[in-house]
Amino acid sequence: MTPEPRPPDVLAAIVEAARRGAEDRQAAGDGRALERAAAAREPRGELFRARLRRETGCNVIAECKRRSPSRGILRQSYAPARLAEGYAAAGAAAISVLTEPAFFDGALEHLAAVRAAVDVPVLRKDFVVTPFQVMEARAHGADAALLIAAALPGPALGELLAASREAGLAALVEVHDGAELARALDAGADILGVNNRDLRTMRVDLGTSHALVGGIPDDVTAVAESGLRTADDLEALRRAGYDAFLIGESFMTRDDPGAALASLLNGLDSVPRGARRGGGRAA
């Protein structure tokens, strides 16, 4: 009997493209100019952390994303700064900006435009695999950077966590299973995102967030990511112990993403965060 072919590893393809792109930009660019641009910024990593931990309201990281590998083009007319202004007015805790170009149609210029348009903290969402990308994030106005545990084997995760903190950025460390969760905590992650989308297959399962939340210590900020669409989704995960939620695709496909965020937040102000089983981080 012929075995079924293995599905393509989407994550591996994206990471390889991100690494090549970073290497090309580093080789072609002016390193000193980037360092000067980064030095001129004052990242607000602590503000990013604080806004995700607010005890009142529902803390949403609202995302600007034009395309995804799983669904293709999400928004034909894409103006990240205008989208960010709508999110900020609706009460977003922070704004995530996709900067990966090959699979998401992102650009660092989108990050800079959003930074110039809003005062709320901004996350660079990309496949960060080199310290150069951390410097790029700071230089273009990010307050935080996404680090994906599955893309950073061995000591790389800890090294990029350290690089992010040295640059003044908060780091949202993303995991997909229990082994990645344990590795992220061992590396010292203090903001942990549980992605319901398996980046290797693009399948989404909200059960992932429910399954992993008990292993997140109370002193680590817990963020649920992907597949979140309704107030019921957020309420259930808030009661399960999540501090914040990263939402993109369900907003990007609406006529007015800012209004969609406002509608989602309406009525969730009084939902308390439930206690986790994880307790505090071991000393």
C-alpha atoms as a PDB file:
ATOM      1  CA  MET A   1       0.000   0.000   0.000  1.00  0.00           C
ATOM      2  CA  THR A   2       1.476   3.351  -1.039  1.00  0.00           C
ATOM      3  CA  PRO A   3       1.838   5.716   1.932  1.00  0.00           C
ATOM      4  CA  GLU A   4       0.116   9.073   1.705  1.00  0.00           C
ATOM      5  CA  PRO A   5       2.484  11.905   0.789  1.00  0.00           C
ATOM      6  CA  ARG A   6       3.493  14.138   3.675  1.00  0.00           C
ATOM      7  CA  PRO A   7       1.971  17.615   3.551  1.00  0.00           C
ATOM      8  CA  PRO A   8       4.431  20.410   2.746  1.00  0.00           C
ATOM      9  CA  ASP A   9       6.142  21.989   5.753  1.00  0.00           C
ATOM     10  CA  VAL A  10       4.933  25.564   5.336  1.00  0.00           C
ATOM     11  CA  LEU A  11       6.888  26.789   8.349  1.00  0.00           C
ATOM     12  CA  ALA A  12      10.195  25.518   6.965  1.00  0.00           C
ATOM     13  CA  ALA A  13       9.583  27.287   3.660  1.00  0.00           C
ATOM     14  CA  ILE A  14       8.691  30.582   5.342  1.00  0.00           C
ATOM     15  CA  VAL A  15      11.664  30.438   7.722  1.00  0.00           C
ATOM     16  CA  GLU A  16      14.079  29.772   4.879  1.00  0.00           C
ATOM     17  CA  ALA A  17      12.676  32.698   2.910  1.00  0.00           C
ATOM     18  CA  ALA A  18      12.892  34.941   5.985  1.00  0.00           C
ATOM     19  CA  ARG A  19      16.496  33.974   6.630  1.00  0.00           C
ATOM     20  CA  ARG A  20      17.517  34.589   3.018  1.00  0.00           C
ATOM     21  CA  GLY A  21      15.691  37.923   2.979  1.00  0.00           C
ATOM     22  CA  ALA A  22      17.384  39.095   6.179  1.00  0.00           C
ATOM     23  CA  GLU A  23      20.801  38.064   4.886  1.00  0.00           C
ATOM     24  CA  ASP A  24      20.196  39.886   1.598  1.00  0.00           C
ATOM     25  CA  ARG A  25      19.038  43.077   3.345  1.00  0.00           C
ATOM     26  CA  GLN A  26      21.984  42.977   5.725  1.00  0.00           C
ATOM     27  CA  ALA A  27      24.453  42.513   2.868  1.00  0.00           C
ATOM     28  CA  ALA A  28      22.908  45.254   0.725  1.00  0.00           C
ATOM     29  CA  GLY A  29      22.165  47.808   3.424  1.00  0.00           C
ATOM     30  CA  ASP A  30      24.056  50.376   5.444  1.00  0.00           C
ATOM     31  CA  GLY A  31      24.557  48.781   8.850  1.00  0.00           C
ATOM     32  CA  ARG A  32      25.585  52.027  10.510  1.00  0.00           C
ATOM     33  CA  ALA A  33      22.503  53.815   9.187  1.00  0.00           C
ATOM     34  CA  LEU A  34      20.308  51.076  10.629  1.00  0.00           C
ATOM     35  CA  GLU A  35      22.081  51.365  13.976  1.00  0.00           C
ATOM     36  CA  ARG A  36      21.546  55.122  13.983  1.00  0.00           C
ATOM     37  CA  ALA A  37      17.864  54.690  13.149  1.00  0.00           C
ATOM     38  CA  ALA A  38      17.520  52.138  15.949  1.00  0.00           C
ATOM     39  CA  ALA A  39      19.335  54.399  18.426  1.00  0.00           C
ATOM     40  CA  ALA A  40      16.926  57.217  17.605  1.00  0.00           C
ATOM     41  CA  ARG A  41      13.956  55.102  18.704  1.00  0.00           C
ATOM     42  CA  GLU A  42      12.745  54.531  22.247  1.00  0.00           C
ATOM     43  CA  PRO A  43      10.942  51.168  22.266  1.00  0.00           C
ATOM     44  CA  ARG A  44       8.240  50.748  24.886  1.00  0.00           C
ATOM     45  CA  GLY A  45       8.595  47.083  25.709  1.00  0.00           C
ATOM     46  CA  GLU A  46       7.331  47.599  29.250  1.00  0.00           C
ATOM     47  CA  LEU A  47       4.210  49.378  28.002  1.00  0.00           C
ATOM     48  CA  PHE A  48       3.508  46.464  25.638  1.00  0.00           C
ATOM     49  CA  ARG A  49       3.753  44.041  28.579  1.00  0.00           C
ATOM     50  CA  ALA A  50       1.604  46.226  30.826  1.00  0.00           C
ATOM     51  CA  ARG A  51      -1.218  46.645  28.321  1.00  0.00           C
ATOM     52  CA  LEU A  52      -1.497  42.899  27.809  1.00  0.00           C
ATOM     53  CA  ARG A  53      -1.840  42.443  31.577  1.00  0.00           C
ATOM     54  CA  ARG A  54      -4.644  44.964  32.123  1.00  0.00           C
ATOM     55  CA  GLU A  55      -7.199  43.414  34.447  1.00  0.00           C
ATOM     56  CA  THR A  56     -10.182  45.344  33.157  1.00  0.00           C
ATOM     57  CA  GLY A  57     -11.475  44.967  29.649  1.00  0.00           C
ATOM     58  CA  CYS A  58     -10.409  42.479  27.024  1.00  0.00           C
ATOM     59  CA  ASN A  59      -6.850  42.925  25.793  1.00  0.00           C
ATOM     60  CA  VAL A  60      -6.688  42.400  22.036  1.00  0.00           C
ATOM     61  CA  ILE A  61      -3.595  42.656  19.854  1.00  0.00           C
ATOM     62  CA  ALA A  62      -5.281  43.613  16.584  1.00  0.00           C
ATOM     63  CA  GLU A  63      -3.407  42.638  13.446  1.00  0.00           C
ATOM     64  CA  CYS A  64      -2.671  44.308  10.129  1.00  0.00           C
ATOM     65  CA  LYS A  65      -2.184  41.551   7.558  1.00  0.00           C
ATOM     66  CA  ARG A  66      -2.905  41.594   3.828  1.00  0.00           C
ATOM     67  CA  ARG A  67      -2.409  37.933   2.950  1.00  0.00           C
ATOM     68  CA  SER A  68      -1.955  34.548   4.597  1.00  0.00           C
ATOM     69  CA  PRO A  69      -0.587  31.249   3.209  1.00  0.00           C
ATOM     70  CA  SER A  70      -3.769  29.444   4.193  1.00  0.00           C
ATOM     71  CA  ARG A  71      -6.384  31.871   2.831  1.00  0.00           C
ATOM     72  CA  GLY A  72      -4.578  33.965   0.247  1.00  0.00           C
ATOM     73  CA  ILE A  73      -5.449  37.647  -0.162  1.00  0.00           C
ATOM     74  CA  LEU A  74      -7.484  38.829   2.814  1.00  0.00           C
ATOM     75  CA  ARG A  75      -7.819  42.465   1.822  1.00  0.00           C
ATOM     76  CA  GLN A  76      -7.402  43.938  -1.654  1.00  0.00           C
ATOM     77  CA  SER A  77      -7.213  47.531  -0.439  1.00  0.00           C
ATOM     78  CA  TYR A  78      -4.583  47.460   2.298  1.00  0.00           C
ATOM     79  CA  ALA A  79      -3.566  50.609   4.189  1.00  0.00           C
ATOM     80  CA  PRO A  80      -1.905  49.528   7.459  1.00  0.00           C
ATOM     81  CA  ALA A  81      -1.747  52.998   9.026  1.00  0.00           C
ATOM     82  CA  ARG A  82      -5.460  53.600   8.449  1.00  0.00           C
ATOM     83  CA  LEU A  83      -6.310  50.145   9.797  1.00  0.00           C
ATOM     84  CA  ALA A  84      -4.169  50.811  12.876  1.00  0.00           C
ATOM     85  CA  GLU A  85      -5.938  54.106  13.532  1.00  0.00           C
ATOM     86  CA  GLY A  86      -9.266  52.272  13.508  1.00  0.00           C
ATOM     87  CA  TYR A  87      -7.958  49.624  15.873  1.00  0.00           C
ATOM     88  CA  ALA A  88      -6.546  52.193  18.272  1.00  0.00           C
ATOM     89  CA  ALA A  89      -9.826  54.121  18.328  1.00  0.00           C
ATOM     90  CA  ALA A  90     -11.713  50.883  19.045  1.00  0.00           C
ATOM     91  CA  GLY A  91      -9.569  50.099  22.098  1.00  0.00           C
ATOM     92  CA  ALA A  92      -6.846  47.713  20.920  1.00  0.00           C
ATOM     93  CA  ALA A  93      -4.297  46.936  23.607  1.00  0.00           C
ATOM     94  CA  ALA A  94      -1.586  46.711  20.936  1.00  0.00           C
ATOM     95  CA  ILE A  95      -1.274  46.388  17.174  1.00  0.00           C
ATOM     96  CA  SER A  96       0.535  43.628  15.286  1.00  0.00           C
ATOM     97  CA  VAL A  97       1.989  44.363  11.855  1.00  0.00           C
ATOM     98  CA  LEU A  98       2.999  41.591   9.446  1.00  0.00           C
ATOM     99  CA  THR A  99       6.311  42.485   7.827  1.00  0.00           C
ATOM    100  CA  GLU A 100       7.121  39.177   6.049  1.00  0.00           C
ATOM    101  CA  PRO A 101       6.972  39.860   2.279  1.00  0.00           C
ATOM    102  CA  ALA A 102       7.045  36.522   0.466  1.00  0.00           C
ATOM    103  CA  PHE A 103       4.053  34.799   2.074  1.00  0.00           C
ATOM    104  CA  PHE A 104       2.148  37.659   3.750  1.00  0.00           C
ATOM    105  CA  ASP A 105       2.772  40.682   1.469  1.00  0.00           C
ATOM    106  CA  GLY A 106       4.256  42.508   4.442  1.00  0.00           C
ATOM    107  CA  ALA A 107       6.980  45.155   4.581  1.00  0.00           C
ATOM    108  CA  LEU A 108       9.023  46.990   7.175  1.00  0.00           C
ATOM    109  CA  GLU A 109       7.574  50.194   5.735  1.00  0.00           C
ATOM    110  CA  HIS A 110       4.151  49.047   6.972  1.00  0.00           C
ATOM    111  CA  LEU A 111       5.565  48.833  10.497  1.00  0.00           C
ATOM    112  CA  ALA A 112       7.047  52.337  10.286  1.00  0.00           C
ATOM    113  CA  ALA A 113       3.774  53.740   8.930  1.00  0.00           C
ATOM    114  CA  VAL A 114       1.766  52.221  11.772  1.00  0.00           C
ATOM    115  CA  ARG A 115       4.248  53.487  14.353  1.00  0.00           C
ATOM    116  CA  ALA A 116       3.846  57.007  12.955  1.00  0.00           C
ATOM    117  CA  ALA A 117       0.043  56.774  12.986  1.00  0.00           C
ATOM    118  CA  VAL A 118      -0.771  55.487  16.493  1.00  0.00           C
ATOM    119  CA  ASP A 119       0.418  55.726  20.092  1.00  0.00           C
ATOM    120  CA  VAL A 120      -0.483  52.189  21.187  1.00  0.00           C
ATOM    121  CA  PRO A 121       2.361  49.629  21.363  1.00  0.00           C
ATOM    122  CA  VAL A 122       3.288  47.915  18.104  1.00  0.00           C
ATOM    123  CA  LEU A 123       4.461  44.330  17.547  1.00  0.00           C
ATOM    124  CA  ARG A 124       6.611  43.319  14.589  1.00  0.00           C
ATOM    125  CA  LYS A 125       5.143  40.006  13.470  1.00  0.00           C
ATOM    126  CA  ASP A 126       7.577  38.137  11.274  1.00  0.00           C
ATOM    127  CA  PHE A 127       9.749  35.045  11.267  1.00  0.00           C
ATOM    128  CA  VAL A 128      12.641  36.491  13.243  1.00  0.00           C
ATOM    129  CA  VAL A 129      15.668  34.213  13.072  1.00  0.00           C
ATOM    130  CA  THR A 130      18.609  36.647  13.255  1.00  0.00           C
ATOM    131  CA  PRO A 131      19.675  39.522  15.576  1.00  0.00           C
ATOM    132  CA  PHE A 132      19.689  41.765  12.489  1.00  0.00           C
ATOM    133  CA  GLN A 133      15.882  41.422  12.300  1.00  0.00           C
ATOM    134  CA  VAL A 134      15.611  42.510  15.933  1.00  0.00           C
ATOM    135  CA  MET A 135      17.573  45.657  15.087  1.00  0.00           C
ATOM    136  CA  GLU A 136      15.309  46.218  12.068  1.00  0.00           C
ATOM    137  CA  ALA A 137      12.264  45.955  14.331  1.00  0.00           C
ATOM    138  CA  ARG A 138      13.570  48.641  16.676  1.00  0.00           C
ATOM    139  CA  ALA A 139      14.703  50.897  13.828  1.00  0.00           C
ATOM    140  CA  HIS A 140      11.229  50.809  12.251  1.00  0.00           C
ATOM    141  CA  GLY A 141       9.383  51.599  15.471  1.00  0.00           C
ATOM    142  CA  ALA A 142       8.429  48.265  17.029  1.00  0.00           C
ATOM    143  CA  ASP A 143       7.913  47.946  20.770  1.00  0.00           C
ATOM    144  CA  ALA A 144       7.881  44.143  20.617  1.00  0.00           C
ATOM    145  CA  ALA A 145       8.936  41.315  18.334  1.00  0.00           C
ATOM    146  CA  LEU A 146       7.450  37.884  17.713  1.00  0.00           C
ATOM    147  CA  LEU A 147       9.760  34.909  18.308  1.00  0.00           C
ATOM    148  CA  ILE A 148       8.439  31.533  17.117  1.00  0.00           C
ATOM    149  CA  ALA A 149       9.815  28.649  19.145  1.00  0.00           C
ATOM    150  CA  ALA A 150       9.366  26.168  16.283  1.00  0.00           C
ATOM    151  CA  ALA A 151      11.576  28.343  14.064  1.00  0.00           C
ATOM    152  CA  LEU A 152      14.329  28.732  16.682  1.00  0.00           C
ATOM    153  CA  PRO A 153      15.857  25.383  17.656  1.00  0.00           C
ATOM    154  CA  GLY A 154      18.573  24.826  20.239  1.00  0.00           C
ATOM    155  CA  PRO A 155      20.013  27.970  21.843  1.00  0.00           C
ATOM    156  CA  ALA A 156      18.657  30.296  19.145  1.00  0.00           C
ATOM    157  CA  LEU A 157      15.467  31.087  21.076  1.00  0.00           C
ATOM    158  CA  GLY A 158      17.346  32.189  24.184  1.00  0.00           C
ATOM    159  CA  GLU A 159      19.825  34.181  22.119  1.00  0.00           C
ATOM    160  CA  LEU A 160      17.086  36.127  20.328  1.00  0.00           C
ATOM    161  CA  LEU A 161      15.215  36.670  23.588  1.00  0.00           C
ATOM    162  CA  ALA A 162      18.372  38.249  24.972  1.00  0.00           C
ATOM    163  CA  ALA A 163      18.865  40.311  21.796  1.00  0.00           C
ATOM    164  CA  SER A 164      15.290  41.591  22.003  1.00  0.00           C
ATOM    165  CA  ARG A 165      15.645  42.641  25.613  1.00  0.00           C
ATOM    166  CA  GLU A 166      18.978  44.330  24.921  1.00  0.00           C
ATOM    167  CA  ALA A 167      17.235  46.283  22.168  1.00  0.00           C
ATOM    168  CA  GLY A 168      14.483  47.353  24.577  1.00  0.00           C
ATOM    169  CA  LEU A 169      11.813  45.249  22.892  1.00  0.00           C
ATOM    170  CA  ALA A 170       9.337  42.943  24.550  1.00  0.00           C
ATOM    171  CA  ALA A 171       9.317  39.443  23.050  1.00  0.00           C
ATOM    172  CA  LEU A 172       6.120  37.515  22.391  1.00  0.00           C
ATOM    173  CA  VAL A 173       7.311  33.901  22.268  1.00  0.00           C
ATOM    174  CA  GLU A 174       4.956  31.710  20.268  1.00  0.00           C
ATOM    175  CA  VAL A 175       4.447  27.993  20.934  1.00  0.00           C
ATOM    176  CA  HIS A 176       2.250  25.255  19.481  1.00  0.00           C
ATOM    177  CA  ASP A 177       2.670  22.294  21.841  1.00  0.00           C
ATOM    178  CA  GLY A 178       3.808  21.264  25.300  1.00  0.00           C
ATOM    179  CA  ALA A 179       7.437  20.676  24.331  1.00  0.00           C
ATOM    180  CA  GLU A 180       7.734  24.168  22.839  1.00  0.00           C
ATOM    181  CA  LEU A 181       6.014  25.629  25.890  1.00  0.00           C
ATOM    182  CA  ALA A 182       8.550  24.002  28.228  1.00  0.00           C
ATOM    183  CA  ARG A 183      11.454  25.185  26.069  1.00  0.00           C
ATOM    184  CA  ALA A 184      10.122  28.754  25.964  1.00  0.00           C
ATOM    185  CA  LEU A 185       9.772  28.882  29.735  1.00  0.00           C
ATOM    186  CA  ASP A 186      13.265  27.446  30.196  1.00  0.00           C
ATOM    187  CA  ALA A 187      14.598  30.182  27.901  1.00  0.00           C
ATOM    188  CA  GLY A 188      13.000  32.832  30.123  1.00  0.00           C
ATOM    189  CA  ALA A 189       9.954  33.897  28.101  1.00  0.00           C
ATOM    190  CA  ASP A 190       7.699  36.269  30.048  1.00  0.00           C
ATOM    191  CA  ILE A 191       5.067  36.760  27.314  1.00  0.00           C
ATOM    192  CA  LEU A 192       3.901  33.493  25.835  1.00  0.00           C
ATOM    193  CA  GLY A 193       1.583  33.112  22.849  1.00  0.00           C
ATOM    194  CA  VAL A 194      -0.220  29.853  22.151  1.00  0.00           C
ATOM    195  CA  ASN A 195      -0.930  29.615  18.431  1.00  0.00           C
ATOM    196  CA  ASN A 196      -3.955  27.521  17.532  1.00  0.00           C
ATOM    197  CA  ARG A 197      -2.655  27.295  13.966  1.00  0.00           C
ATOM    198  CA  ASP A 198      -0.079  24.603  13.250  1.00  0.00           C
ATOM    199  CA  LEU A 199       2.354  26.538  11.078  1.00  0.00           C
ATOM    200  CA  ARG A 200       3.570  23.367   9.399  1.00  0.00           C
ATOM    201  CA  THR A 201       0.140  22.346   8.102  1.00  0.00           C
ATOM    202  CA  MET A 202      -1.898  25.565   8.607  1.00  0.00           C
ATOM    203  CA  ARG A 203      -4.648  23.622  10.417  1.00  0.00           C
ATOM    204  CA  VAL A 204      -6.417  25.484  13.243  1.00  0.00           C
ATOM    205  CA  ASP A 205      -7.608  23.928  16.501  1.00  0.00           C
ATOM    206  CA  LEU A 206      -8.809  26.157  19.363  1.00  0.00           C
ATOM    207  CA  GLY A 207      -8.306  23.169  21.656  1.00  0.00           C
ATOM    208  CA  THR A 208      -4.574  23.940  21.583  1.00  0.00           C
ATOM    209  CA  SER A 209      -5.050  27.081  23.685  1.00  0.00           C
ATOM    210  CA  HIS A 210      -7.243  25.241  26.177  1.00  0.00           C
ATOM    211  CA  ALA A 211      -4.818  22.326  26.407  1.00  0.00           C
ATOM    212  CA  LEU A 212      -1.701  24.414  27.101  1.00  0.00           C
ATOM    213  CA  VAL A 213      -2.958  27.203  29.358  1.00  0.00           C
ATOM    214  CA  GLY A 214      -2.578  25.129  32.525  1.00  0.00           C
ATOM    215  CA  GLY A 215       1.178  24.932  31.968  1.00  0.00           C
ATOM    216  CA  ILE A 216       1.680  28.710  31.820  1.00  0.00           C
ATOM    217  CA  PRO A 217       2.778  30.210  35.162  1.00  0.00           C
ATOM    218  CA  ASP A 218       0.673  33.053  36.552  1.00  0.00           C
ATOM    219  CA  ASP A 219       3.582  35.493  36.308  1.00  0.00           C
ATOM    220  CA  VAL A 220       3.921  34.864  32.562  1.00  0.00           C
ATOM    221  CA  THR A 221       1.573  36.805  30.283  1.00  0.00           C
ATOM    222  CA  ALA A 222      -0.558  34.369  28.282  1.00  0.00           C
ATOM    223  CA  VAL A 223      -1.772  35.264  24.784  1.00  0.00           C
ATOM    224  CA  ALA A 224      -4.128  33.116  22.693  1.00  0.00           C
ATOM    225  CA  GLU A 225      -3.561  33.390  18.938  1.00  0.00           C
ATOM    226  CA  SER A 226      -5.329  32.410  15.687  1.00  0.00           C
ATOM    227  CA  GLY A 227      -8.807  31.162  14.922  1.00  0.00           C
ATOM    228  CA  LEU A 228     -10.499  33.553  17.371  1.00  0.00           C
ATOM    229  CA  ARG A 229     -13.710  34.937  15.888  1.00  0.00           C
ATOM    230  CA  THR A 230     -16.480  35.424  18.429  1.00  0.00           C
ATOM    231  CA  ALA A 231     -17.034  36.968  21.831  1.00  0.00           C
ATOM    232  CA  ASP A 232     -17.736  33.455  23.099  1.00  0.00           C
ATOM    233  CA  ASP A 233     -14.246  32.357  21.959  1.00  0.00           C
ATOM    234  CA  LEU A 234     -12.616  35.171  23.910  1.00  0.00           C
ATOM    235  CA  GLU A 235     -14.813  34.772  26.972  1.00  0.00           C
ATOM    236  CA  ALA A 236     -14.029  31.057  27.262  1.00  0.00           C
ATOM    237  CA  LEU A 237     -10.288  31.643  26.909  1.00  0.00           C
ATOM    238  CA  ARG A 238     -10.337  34.610  29.304  1.00  0.00           C
ATOM    239  CA  ARG A 239     -11.987  32.427  31.913  1.00  0.00           C
ATOM    240  CA  ALA A 240      -9.420  29.713  31.180  1.00  0.00           C
ATOM    241  CA  GLY A 241      -6.648  32.121  32.178  1.00  0.00           C
ATOM    242  CA  TYR A 242      -5.541  34.075  29.101  1.00  0.00           C
ATOM    243  CA  ASP A 243      -4.503  37.708  29.517  1.00  0.00           C
ATOM    244  CA  ALA A 244      -4.714  38.761  25.869  1.00  0.00           C
ATOM    245  CA  PHE A 245      -5.688  37.674  22.365  1.00  0.00           C
ATOM    246  CA  LEU A 246      -4.049  38.170  18.969  1.00  0.00           C
ATOM    247  CA  ILE A 247      -6.649  38.443  16.200  1.00  0.00           C
ATOM    248  CA  GLY A 248      -6.070  39.167  12.531  1.00  0.00           C
ATOM    249  CA  GLU A 249      -7.887  37.277   9.790  1.00  0.00           C
ATOM    250  CA  SER A 250     -11.380  37.712  11.203  1.00  0.00           C
ATOM    251  CA  PHE A 251     -10.848  41.503  11.199  1.00  0.00           C
ATOM    252  CA  MET A 252      -9.072  41.736   7.852  1.00  0.00           C
ATOM    253  CA  THR A 253     -12.004  40.222   5.983  1.00  0.00           C
ATOM    254  CA  ARG A 254     -14.523  42.732   7.404  1.00  0.00           C
ATOM    255  CA  ASP A 255     -15.490  45.982   5.705  1.00  0.00           C
ATOM    256  CA  ASP A 256     -14.394  48.006   8.750  1.00  0.00           C
ATOM    257  CA  PRO A 257     -11.851  46.127  10.902  1.00  0.00           C
ATOM    258  CA  GLY A 258     -11.872  48.803  13.606  1.00  0.00           C
ATOM    259  CA  ALA A 259     -15.637  48.587  13.950  1.00  0.00           C
ATOM    260  CA  ALA A 260     -15.369  44.791  14.055  1.00  0.00           C
ATOM    261  CA  LEU A 261     -12.939  45.065  16.984  1.00  0.00           C
ATOM    262  CA  ALA A 262     -15.221  47.520  18.793  1.00  0.00           C
ATOM    263  CA  SER A 263     -18.172  45.176  18.328  1.00  0.00           C
ATOM    264  CA  LEU A 264     -16.172  42.228  19.639  1.00  0.00           C
ATOM    265  CA  LEU A 265     -15.019  44.118  22.725  1.00  0.00           C
ATOM    266  CA  ASN A 266     -18.503  45.362  23.539  1.00  0.00           C
ATOM    267  CA  GLY A 267     -19.867  43.405  26.476  1.00  0.00           C
ATOM    268  CA  LEU A 268     -16.590  41.711  27.396  1.00  0.00           C
ATOM    269  CA  ASP A 269     -15.363  44.369  29.833  1.00  0.00           C
ATOM    270  CA  SER A 270     -16.552  42.508  32.909  1.00  0.00           C
ATOM    271  CA  VAL A 271     -15.207  39.048  32.068  1.00  0.00           C
ATOM    272  CA  PRO A 272     -12.589  38.156  34.714  1.00  0.00           C
ATOM    273  CA  ARG A 273      -9.413  36.268  33.938  1.00  0.00           C
ATOM    274  CA  GLY A 274      -9.649  32.797  35.410  1.00  0.00           C
ATOM    275  CA  ALA A 275      -6.958  31.201  37.543  1.00  0.00           C
ATOM    276  CA  ARG A 276      -4.473  28.957  35.780  1.00  0.00           C
ATOM    277  CA  ARG A 277      -3.203  25.682  37.127  1.00  0.00           C
ATOM    278  CA  GLY A 278       0.403  26.632  36.392  1.00  0.00           C
ATOM    279  CA  GLY A 279       1.007  28.728  39.510  1.00  0.00           C
ATOM    280  CA  GLY A 280       4.143  30.871  39.657  1.00  0.00           C
ATOM    281  CA  ARG A 281       7.398  30.327  37.840  1.00  0.00           C
ATOM    282  CA  ALA A 282       9.831  28.226  39.823  1.00  0.00           C
ATOM    283  CA  ALA A 283      12.685  30.193  41.411  1.00  0.00           C
END
